[in-house]
Each structure stands twice: as C-alpha cells, then as structure tokens.
C-alpha atoms as a PDB file:
ATOM      1  CA  GLY A   1     -17.977  -6.189 -16.282  1.00  0.00           C
ATOM      2  CA  ASP A   2     -18.473  -9.417 -18.160  1.00  0.00           C
ATOM      3  CA  GLU A   3     -17.742 -12.684 -16.374  1.00  0.00           C
ATOM      4  CA  HIS A   4     -14.716 -14.740 -17.481  1.00  0.00           C
ATOM      5  CA  ASN A   5     -12.935 -17.791 -16.060  1.00  0.00           C
ATOM      6  CA  ASP A   6     -10.399 -15.546 -14.310  1.00  0.00           C
ATOM      7  CA  SER A   7     -12.944 -12.973 -13.087  1.00  0.00           C
ATOM      8  CA  ASP A   8     -13.075 -11.840  -9.496  1.00  0.00           C
ATOM      9  CA  ILE A   9     -16.206 -11.180  -7.492  1.00  0.00           C
ATOM     10  CA  ASP A  10     -17.068  -7.601  -6.585  1.00  0.00           C
ATOM     11  CA  LEU A  11     -18.222  -7.854  -2.984  1.00  0.00           C
ATOM     12  CA  VAL A  12     -19.955  -4.717  -1.736  1.00  0.00           C
ATOM     13  CA  VAL A  13     -20.067  -4.687   2.049  1.00  0.00           C
ATOM     14  CA  VAL A  14     -22.336  -2.102   3.664  1.00  0.00           C
ATOM     15  CA  PHE A  15     -21.198  -1.082   7.144  1.00  0.00           C
ATOM     16  CA  PRO A  16     -23.237   1.198   9.428  1.00  0.00           C
ATOM     17  CA  GLU A  17     -20.257   3.577   9.321  1.00  0.00           C
ATOM     18  CA  VAL A  18     -16.957   3.469   7.425  1.00  0.00           C
ATOM     19  CA  ARG A  19     -14.156   5.675   8.715  1.00  0.00           C
ATOM     20  CA  ASP A  20     -11.362   3.928   6.813  1.00  0.00           C
ATOM     21  CA  LYS A  21     -12.472   2.148   3.628  1.00  0.00           C
ATOM     22  CA  HIS A  22      -9.114   0.486   3.094  1.00  0.00           C
ATOM     23  CA  ALA A  23      -8.971  -0.945   6.626  1.00  0.00           C
ATOM     24  CA  ALA A  24     -12.557  -2.188   6.339  1.00  0.00           C
ATOM     25  CA  ALA A  25     -11.835  -3.872   2.995  1.00  0.00           C
ATOM     26  CA  VAL A  26      -8.661  -5.476   4.367  1.00  0.00           C
ATOM     27  CA  ALA A  27     -10.605  -6.857   7.348  1.00  0.00           C
ATOM     28  CA  VAL A  28     -13.189  -8.409   5.013  1.00  0.00           C
ATOM     29  CA  ARG A  29     -10.449  -9.871   2.796  1.00  0.00           C
ATOM     30  CA  ARG A  30      -8.813 -11.456   5.846  1.00  0.00           C
ATOM     31  CA  ALA A  31     -12.133 -12.898   7.017  1.00  0.00           C
ATOM     32  CA  THR A  32     -12.809 -14.381   3.573  1.00  0.00           C
ATOM     33  CA  SER A  33      -9.258 -15.437   2.695  1.00  0.00           C
ATOM     34  CA  SER A  34     -10.156 -19.141   2.739  1.00  0.00           C
ATOM     35  CA  LEU A  35     -12.701 -18.740  -0.070  1.00  0.00           C
ATOM     36  CA  PRO A  36     -11.548 -20.260  -3.364  1.00  0.00           C
ATOM     37  CA  VAL A  37     -12.482 -17.174  -5.433  1.00  0.00           C
ATOM     38  CA  PRO A  38     -10.734 -13.822  -5.742  1.00  0.00           C
ATOM     39  CA  LEU A  39     -12.694 -10.946  -4.216  1.00  0.00           C
ATOM     40  CA  ASP A  40     -12.619  -7.239  -4.883  1.00  0.00           C
ATOM     41  CA  VAL A  41     -14.046  -5.803  -1.663  1.00  0.00           C
ATOM     42  CA  ILE A  42     -15.833  -2.456  -1.744  1.00  0.00           C
ATOM     43  CA  ALA A  43     -16.649  -1.081   1.716  1.00  0.00           C
ATOM     44  CA  VAL A  44     -19.390   1.557   1.894  1.00  0.00           C
ATOM     45  CA  ASP A  45     -21.841   3.020   4.349  1.00  0.00           C
ATOM     46  CA  PRO A  46     -25.559   3.460   3.618  1.00  0.00           C
ATOM     47  CA  GLU A  47     -25.125   7.153   2.765  1.00  0.00           C
ATOM     48  CA  GLU A  48     -22.480   6.443   0.096  1.00  0.00           C
ATOM     49  CA  LEU A  49     -24.619   3.637  -1.288  1.00  0.00           C
ATOM     50  CA  ARG A  50     -27.559   6.044  -1.656  1.00  0.00           C
ATOM     51  CA  ARG A  51     -25.380   8.835  -3.041  1.00  0.00           C
ATOM     52  CA  ARG A  52     -23.355   6.807  -5.561  1.00  0.00           C
ATOM     53  CA  GLY A  53     -25.656   3.865  -6.244  1.00  0.00           C
ATOM     54  CA  ASN A  54     -26.984   5.305  -9.511  1.00  0.00           C
ATOM     55  CA  GLU A  55     -23.756   6.865 -10.816  1.00  0.00           C
ATOM     56  CA  ILE A  56     -22.831   5.578 -14.246  1.00  0.00           C
ATOM     57  CA  GLY A  57     -19.390   3.977 -14.029  1.00  0.00           C
ATOM     58  CA  SER A  58     -19.637   3.273 -10.309  1.00  0.00           C
ATOM     59  CA  VAL A  59     -19.276  -0.375  -9.277  1.00  0.00           C
ATOM     60  CA  LEU A  60     -22.204   0.264  -6.941  1.00  0.00           C
ATOM     61  CA  ARG A  61     -24.690   0.781  -9.777  1.00  0.00           C
ATOM     62  CA  PRO A  62     -24.466  -2.748 -11.272  1.00  0.00           C
ATOM     63  CA  ALA A  63     -24.126  -4.200  -7.776  1.00  0.00           C
ATOM     64  CA  LEU A  64     -27.481  -2.684  -6.818  1.00  0.00           C
ATOM     65  CA  ARG A  65     -29.151  -3.582 -10.107  1.00  0.00           C
ATOM     66  CA  GLU A  66     -27.736  -7.056 -10.781  1.00  0.00           C
ATOM     67  CA  GLY A  67     -26.064  -8.141  -7.565  1.00  0.00           C
ATOM     68  CA  GLN A  68     -27.143 -10.781  -5.103  1.00  0.00           C
ATOM     69  CA  VAL A  69     -27.456 -10.336  -1.358  1.00  0.00           C
ATOM     70  CA  VAL A  70     -25.144 -12.868   0.273  1.00  0.00           C
ATOM     71  CA  HIS A  71     -25.910 -11.940   3.871  1.00  0.00           C
ATOM     72  CA  ASP A  72     -28.265  -9.396   5.396  1.00  0.00           C
ATOM     73  CA  ARG A  73     -27.873  -8.846   9.109  1.00  0.00           C
ATOM     74  CA  ALA A  74     -31.209  -6.998   9.208  1.00  0.00           C
ATOM     75  CA  ALA A  75     -33.040 -10.012   7.770  1.00  0.00           C
END
C-alpha cells in the first residue's frame, strides 16, 4: 500500500524450506525486535514465491516488483 508516517515495512523472507510460516515469522520478528520500525514479516519458500509472486492482491507481487533486497545470502 501507500507509505504513511505510521506504516510498517513488509519484510519478505525467503527460506530454503518453510514448514511452519508462523514460527518462521516469529523467529524473524524476535531477531529484528531491536529495529525502530514495525515489521510485517512474510515467510515463504522459493516455490511459493514463484507460484504466488504474480498474483494480484498478493503482498509478494509488489514486493517482487518494487521491493529492495536487504540481504542476499547467495550474493
């Protein structure tokens, strides 16, 4: 959505495999809890990213089109 002063950051985290999305998102939130911005963590695996990345209405679509890579382990 549009950015406002009270907006959160949608953080898409791609794991090699995600068995429990909620647990993965909670782990990322704990690891980033000291950051001064609110995060909405979306945990996905590469297959879900490929499958849902172009779906209209999916948070993954704008993340892939407009998002910024914060960290890339493969790089």
